């Protein structure tokens, strides 16, 4: 069955990471809903950012003045989009305090775990299509967001970066191309009319690894590292380890203890427990090489191994 396109899903989510430039929210929304040949109008917007980034987004986008998010909706007559302070998700440090910035390896790990869990939770709704923008925030935030979508993304999800023409790129006064004259000051203290700006999306293809993740990770919380390890174990080359010293078998990240198997002192030979099948059943009491012991099977296969051992015993007599 062919999956539904993103625009056909009743719940459409724009998820972005932002830092000190909340403009990427309105730029991305404009590119998706206005400048797109197949408009994708989100039903809700979610931001992941630091404490300072959250305050900048609230003041620039959601305030009464300038309120650039509300102005964009009004200028292009977009329908209601759920986006308020509750949709701005602030990173926290190990003590649970809002994170001002990502400065240490520990902060970086907390950021990765937070982003991974947010993407997992939003992508768990089959009625939702997720559009992820990695245009804002620190480079590590964008990387973690894109990687998390690769881990949990589905056919209806998309990943993109927003592109803005010169001289409007990196301008603190530019938020989107207005449908009317709007002269702003750009970098270099120059003036330009925002209605002539060009904003577009560069969609980034990604490989979805979701099908290889254990159900427990898809349904519950997991750290970034744990999720990556699970994907490696599921999609990497098969591995089987047999430890005769500890009598354990390890495969697919799991360990099982072997019962009924005794090892010699050298740890290089294994002795299967005696097996009796009535008076005529086979009985093995001799230590066999490890490679032979692990192929021991009941009935005919077992008797075959016994005959091999007996042949081995008689071999020296042939030369006498």
Protein backbone atom coordinates (compact mmCIF):
# COMPACT_ATOMS: atom_id res chain seq x y z
CA UNK A 1 0.00 0.00 0.00
CA UNK A 2 1.38 3.37 -1.03
CA UNK A 3 1.90 5.70 1.96
CA UNK A 4 -0.07 8.93 2.16
CA UNK A 5 1.80 12.11 1.21
CA UNK A 6 2.71 14.42 4.10
CA UNK A 7 0.00 16.93 3.18
CA UNK A 8 -2.74 14.27 3.51
CA UNK A 9 -2.09 13.61 7.20
CA UNK A 10 -4.49 15.28 9.64
CA UNK A 11 -1.67 16.17 12.03
CA UNK A 12 1.22 18.00 10.39
CA UNK A 13 4.15 19.00 12.57
CA UNK A 14 6.99 21.42 11.93
CA UNK A 15 9.88 20.63 14.29
CA UNK A 16 12.95 22.84 14.36
CA UNK A 17 16.01 23.56 16.46
CA UNK A 18 16.77 27.23 17.03
CA UNK A 19 19.46 29.22 18.73
CA UNK A 20 19.74 33.00 18.67
CA UNK A 21 17.97 33.35 15.30
CA UNK A 22 14.23 32.65 15.61
CA UNK A 23 13.84 33.89 12.03
CA UNK A 24 14.32 30.36 10.73
CA UNK A 25 10.85 29.49 12.04
CA UNK A 26 9.02 32.06 9.91
CA UNK A 27 11.39 31.50 6.98
CA UNK A 28 10.71 27.76 7.03
CA UNK A 29 6.98 28.23 7.53
CA UNK A 30 6.86 30.62 4.58
CA UNK A 31 8.79 28.20 2.35
CA UNK A 32 6.52 25.29 3.33
CA UNK A 33 3.11 26.96 3.28
CA UNK A 34 3.46 29.84 0.79
CA UNK A 35 6.35 29.34 -1.62
CA UNK A 36 5.87 25.59 -2.06
CA UNK A 37 4.26 24.07 -5.16
CA UNK A 38 2.53 21.59 -2.83
CA UNK A 39 1.89 23.65 0.30
CA UNK A 40 2.53 21.89 3.59
CA UNK A 41 0.67 23.91 6.22
CA UNK A 42 1.56 22.67 9.72
CA UNK A 43 -1.17 22.16 12.27
CA UNK A 44 1.43 22.71 15.01
CA UNK A 45 5.00 23.95 15.44
CA UNK A 46 7.55 22.73 17.99
CA UNK A 47 10.92 24.29 18.78
CA UNK A 48 13.88 22.80 20.62
CA UNK A 49 16.22 25.46 21.95
CA UNK A 50 18.21 26.83 24.87
CA UNK A 51 16.90 29.17 27.58
CA UNK A 52 18.08 32.28 25.72
CA UNK A 53 16.83 30.93 22.40
CA UNK A 54 13.39 30.35 23.93
CA UNK A 55 13.19 33.95 25.17
CA UNK A 56 14.21 35.32 21.78
CA UNK A 57 11.62 33.16 20.02
CA UNK A 58 8.89 34.26 22.42
CA UNK A 59 9.66 37.96 22.00
CA UNK A 60 10.24 38.00 18.24
CA UNK A 61 7.59 35.50 17.13
CA UNK A 62 4.80 35.32 19.69
CA UNK A 63 4.60 38.79 21.25
CA UNK A 64 1.97 41.34 20.26
CA UNK A 65 4.68 43.50 18.71
CA UNK A 66 6.49 42.62 16.52
CA UNK A 67 4.88 39.13 16.66
CA UNK A 68 6.32 37.97 13.35
CA UNK A 69 4.63 34.57 13.48
CA UNK A 70 1.17 36.16 13.84
CA UNK A 71 1.99 38.70 11.12
CA UNK A 72 3.00 35.95 8.69
CA UNK A 73 -0.27 34.11 9.24
CA UNK A 74 -2.24 37.30 8.75
CA UNK A 75 -0.30 38.44 5.66
CA UNK A 76 -0.86 35.14 3.84
CA UNK A 77 -4.17 34.16 5.44
CA UNK A 78 -2.90 30.92 6.86
CA UNK A 79 -5.24 28.84 9.05
CA UNK A 80 -4.78 28.42 12.78
CA UNK A 81 -1.48 26.83 13.73
CA UNK A 82 -0.89 25.65 17.29
CA UNK A 83 2.24 27.49 18.41
CA UNK A 84 2.67 29.18 21.77
CA UNK A 85 5.14 29.20 24.66
CA UNK A 86 4.16 25.62 25.50
CA UNK A 87 5.47 24.47 22.13
CA UNK A 88 8.96 25.82 22.86
CA UNK A 89 10.93 22.99 24.47
CA UNK A 90 13.95 24.15 26.48
CA UNK A 91 17.00 21.96 27.01
CA UNK A 92 17.93 21.27 30.65
CA UNK A 93 21.19 20.45 32.39
CA UNK A 94 21.86 17.47 34.67
CA UNK A 95 20.36 19.35 37.64
CA UNK A 96 17.14 20.01 35.73
CA UNK A 97 17.87 23.70 35.20
CA UNK A 98 17.27 25.41 31.82
CA UNK A 99 20.39 25.17 29.70
CA UNK A 100 21.75 28.57 28.68
CA UNK A 101 24.04 27.08 26.04
CA UNK A 102 25.76 23.83 25.04
CA UNK A 103 29.27 24.17 26.42
CA UNK A 104 30.42 20.79 27.70
CA UNK A 105 30.39 17.14 26.59
CA UNK A 106 27.76 16.47 29.25
CA UNK A 107 25.56 19.26 27.85
CA UNK A 108 26.05 17.77 24.42
CA UNK A 109 24.90 14.32 25.58
CA UNK A 110 21.85 15.75 27.35
CA UNK A 111 20.98 17.64 24.16
CA UNK A 112 21.26 14.44 22.10
CA UNK A 113 19.01 12.50 24.50
CA UNK A 114 16.41 15.28 24.65
CA UNK A 115 16.19 15.62 20.86
CA UNK A 116 16.07 11.86 20.36
CA UNK A 117 13.17 11.47 22.78
CA UNK A 118 11.24 14.37 21.25
CA UNK A 119 11.53 12.93 17.73
CA UNK A 120 10.60 9.45 18.99
CA UNK A 121 7.50 10.78 20.75
CA UNK A 122 6.27 12.91 17.83
CA UNK A 123 6.89 10.15 15.26
CA UNK A 124 4.95 7.59 17.32
CA UNK A 125 1.66 9.06 16.03
CA UNK A 126 0.78 7.31 12.77
CA UNK A 127 -1.68 10.09 11.85
CA UNK A 128 1.08 12.70 11.92
CA UNK A 129 3.58 13.82 9.29
CA UNK A 130 6.76 15.34 10.63
CA UNK A 131 8.75 18.04 8.83
CA UNK A 132 12.12 18.61 10.48
CA UNK A 133 14.23 21.70 9.90
CA UNK A 134 17.91 21.70 10.83
CA UNK A 135 18.52 25.31 9.76
CA UNK A 136 18.88 26.80 13.25
CA UNK A 137 20.74 26.20 16.50
CA UNK A 138 24.25 24.94 17.00
CA UNK A 139 25.63 22.51 14.44
CA UNK A 140 25.50 19.64 16.91
CA UNK A 141 21.80 20.31 17.53
CA UNK A 142 21.06 20.14 13.81
CA UNK A 143 23.11 16.96 13.49
CA UNK A 144 21.33 15.25 16.38
CA UNK A 145 17.92 16.28 15.02
CA UNK A 146 18.69 14.92 11.55
CA UNK A 147 20.18 11.73 12.98
CA UNK A 148 17.15 11.22 15.25
CA UNK A 149 14.84 11.51 12.24
CA UNK A 150 16.94 8.92 10.42
CA UNK A 151 16.48 6.59 13.41
CA UNK A 152 12.73 7.13 13.86
CA UNK A 153 11.55 8.67 10.59
CA UNK A 154 8.76 7.18 8.46
CA UNK A 155 7.83 7.50 4.76
CA UNK A 156 5.68 10.61 5.42
CA UNK A 157 8.43 12.51 7.29
CA UNK A 158 10.74 15.07 5.70
CA UNK A 159 14.06 16.77 6.49
CA UNK A 160 15.09 20.16 5.15
CA UNK A 161 17.27 23.26 5.38
CA UNK A 162 15.98 26.73 4.51
CA UNK A 163 17.81 28.92 1.96
CA UNK A 164 17.56 32.72 1.93
CA UNK A 165 18.88 35.01 -0.80
CA UNK A 166 21.34 37.84 -0.27
CA UNK A 167 21.39 40.38 1.33
CA UNK A 168 18.64 39.04 3.63
CA UNK A 169 20.47 35.94 4.88
CA UNK A 170 21.69 36.37 8.46
CA UNK A 171 19.84 39.67 8.80
CA UNK A 172 18.28 40.15 12.24
CA UNK A 173 15.50 42.24 10.72
CA UNK A 174 14.37 39.75 8.08
CA UNK A 175 11.71 37.14 8.94
CA UNK A 176 9.98 36.37 5.62
CA UNK A 177 9.18 38.02 2.26
CA UNK A 178 6.22 40.30 2.89
CA UNK A 179 3.49 40.74 0.22
CA UNK A 180 3.95 44.53 0.55
CA UNK A 181 6.84 46.98 0.74
CA UNK A 182 8.93 46.43 3.85
CA UNK A 183 12.29 48.18 3.86
CA UNK A 184 14.71 46.73 6.41
CA UNK A 185 18.33 47.23 7.38
CA UNK A 186 20.54 44.33 6.34
CA UNK A 187 24.12 43.41 7.12
CA UNK A 188 26.58 46.14 6.28
CA UNK A 189 23.99 48.74 7.31
CA UNK A 190 22.34 48.56 3.90
CA UNK A 191 18.66 48.86 3.12
CA UNK A 192 16.59 46.36 1.15
CA UNK A 193 12.92 45.63 0.50
CA UNK A 194 11.93 42.34 2.13
CA UNK A 195 9.21 41.63 -0.45
CA UNK A 196 11.94 40.86 -3.02
CA UNK A 197 13.65 38.23 -0.89
CA UNK A 198 13.69 34.64 -2.12
CA UNK A 199 13.21 31.85 0.40
CA UNK A 200 13.22 28.17 -0.52
CA UNK A 201 13.69 24.76 1.03
CA UNK A 202 16.50 22.32 0.30
CA UNK A 203 15.01 18.92 1.09
CA UNK A 204 17.53 16.44 2.47
CA UNK A 205 16.95 12.74 1.74
CA UNK A 206 17.56 10.44 4.70
CA UNK A 207 17.75 6.69 5.23
CA UNK A 208 15.14 5.46 7.70
CA UNK A 209 16.46 2.91 10.20
CA UNK A 210 13.20 2.65 12.11
CA UNK A 211 12.40 -0.87 10.91
CA UNK A 212 15.58 -2.18 12.56
CA UNK A 213 14.88 -0.81 16.05
CA UNK A 214 13.47 -3.02 18.82
CA UNK A 215 9.84 -2.35 19.72
CA UNK A 216 10.89 -1.37 23.25
CA UNK A 217 12.85 1.60 21.89
CA UNK A 218 10.00 2.71 19.63
CA UNK A 219 7.48 2.62 22.49
CA UNK A 220 9.57 3.93 25.39
CA UNK A 221 12.28 6.37 26.34
CA UNK A 222 15.84 5.65 25.30
CA UNK A 223 19.05 7.65 25.19
CA UNK A 224 20.69 8.68 21.95
CA UNK A 225 23.58 6.25 22.46
CA UNK A 226 21.28 3.34 23.35
CA UNK A 227 19.20 3.94 20.23
CA UNK A 228 22.26 4.11 18.00
CA UNK A 229 23.67 0.91 19.57
CA UNK A 230 20.36 -0.87 18.97
CA UNK A 231 20.36 0.20 15.31
CA UNK A 232 23.94 -1.00 14.87
CA UNK A 233 23.14 -4.36 16.44
CA UNK A 234 20.05 -4.83 14.29
CA UNK A 235 21.50 -3.66 10.98
CA UNK A 236 25.16 -4.60 11.33
CA UNK A 237 26.77 -7.94 10.43
CA UNK A 238 25.57 -10.94 12.43
CA UNK A 239 27.76 -11.86 15.39
CA UNK A 240 27.80 -15.02 17.53
CA UNK A 241 30.23 -15.51 20.43
CA UNK A 242 30.63 -18.78 22.37
CA UNK A 243 32.63 -18.53 25.59
CA UNK A 244 33.49 -22.03 26.83
CA UNK A 245 35.21 -20.66 29.90
CA UNK A 246 32.06 -19.01 31.24
CA UNK A 247 29.70 -21.33 29.33
CA UNK A 248 27.89 -18.40 27.72
CA UNK A 249 26.58 -17.62 24.24
CA UNK A 250 26.29 -13.99 23.15
CA UNK A 251 24.31 -12.85 20.12
CA UNK A 252 22.33 -9.72 19.15
CA UNK A 253 23.32 -8.02 22.40
CA UNK A 254 21.96 -10.86 24.54
CA UNK A 255 23.76 -13.42 26.69
CA UNK A 256 22.55 -16.95 27.40
CA UNK A 257 24.11 -19.47 29.82
CA UNK A 258 24.79 -22.95 28.47
CA UNK A 259 23.51 -25.80 30.62
CA UNK A 260 24.67 -29.41 30.57
CA UNK A 261 28.08 -28.48 29.17
CA UNK A 262 31.28 -28.97 31.17
CA UNK A 263 34.61 -27.59 30.10
CA UNK A 264 38.10 -29.01 30.69
CA UNK A 265 40.66 -27.15 32.74
CA UNK A 266 42.34 -25.79 29.67
CA UNK A 267 39.04 -24.36 28.50
CA UNK A 268 39.64 -25.72 25.04
CA UNK A 269 37.66 -28.93 25.28
CA UNK A 270 34.02 -29.43 26.16
CA UNK A 271 32.28 -32.46 27.65
CA UNK A 272 28.58 -32.90 27.00
CA UNK A 273 26.54 -34.31 29.86
CA UNK A 274 25.78 -38.02 29.64
CA UNK A 275 22.72 -38.79 27.65
CA UNK A 276 20.85 -42.03 27.98
CA UNK A 277 18.07 -43.24 25.74
CA UNK A 278 17.19 -46.63 27.22
CA UNK A 279 19.63 -49.51 27.26
CA UNK A 280 20.48 -49.18 23.61
CA UNK A 281 20.74 -45.39 23.64
CA UNK A 282 24.11 -43.72 23.06
CA UNK A 283 26.32 -42.69 25.95
CA UNK A 284 29.26 -40.35 25.72
CA UNK A 285 31.63 -39.97 28.60
CA UNK A 286 34.73 -38.80 26.86
CA UNK A 287 35.82 -35.20 26.38
CA UNK A 288 35.37 -34.17 22.77
CA UNK A 289 36.93 -31.21 20.98
CA UNK A 290 34.80 -28.08 21.28
CA UNK A 291 34.05 -28.04 17.56
CA UNK A 292 32.67 -31.60 17.80
CA UNK A 293 30.72 -31.16 21.03
CA UNK A 294 28.67 -28.25 19.83
CA UNK A 295 27.43 -30.23 16.82
CA UNK A 296 26.05 -32.98 19.05
CA UNK A 297 22.42 -33.70 18.24
CA UNK A 298 20.01 -36.42 19.31
CA UNK A 299 19.28 -39.72 17.55
CA UNK A 300 21.17 -40.50 14.34
CA UNK A 301 23.44 -37.49 14.45
CA UNK A 302 24.52 -38.43 17.96
CA UNK A 303 25.36 -41.99 16.93
CA UNK A 304 27.33 -40.67 13.99
CA UNK A 305 29.54 -38.64 16.32
CA UNK A 306 30.02 -41.66 18.57
CA UNK A 307 31.13 -43.80 15.63
CA UNK A 308 33.61 -41.07 14.68
CA UNK A 309 35.06 -41.16 18.19
CA UNK A 310 35.33 -44.96 18.10
CA UNK A 311 37.11 -44.79 14.76
CA UNK A 312 39.54 -42.32 16.29
CA UNK A 313 40.26 -44.74 19.12
CA UNK A 314 41.00 -47.63 16.73
CA UNK A 315 43.17 -45.56 14.42
CA UNK A 316 46.52 -46.15 16.22
CA UNK A 317 46.02 -49.93 16.09
CA UNK A 318 46.06 -49.96 12.32
CA UNK A 319 49.71 -49.18 12.24
CA UNK A 320 50.67 -51.86 14.78
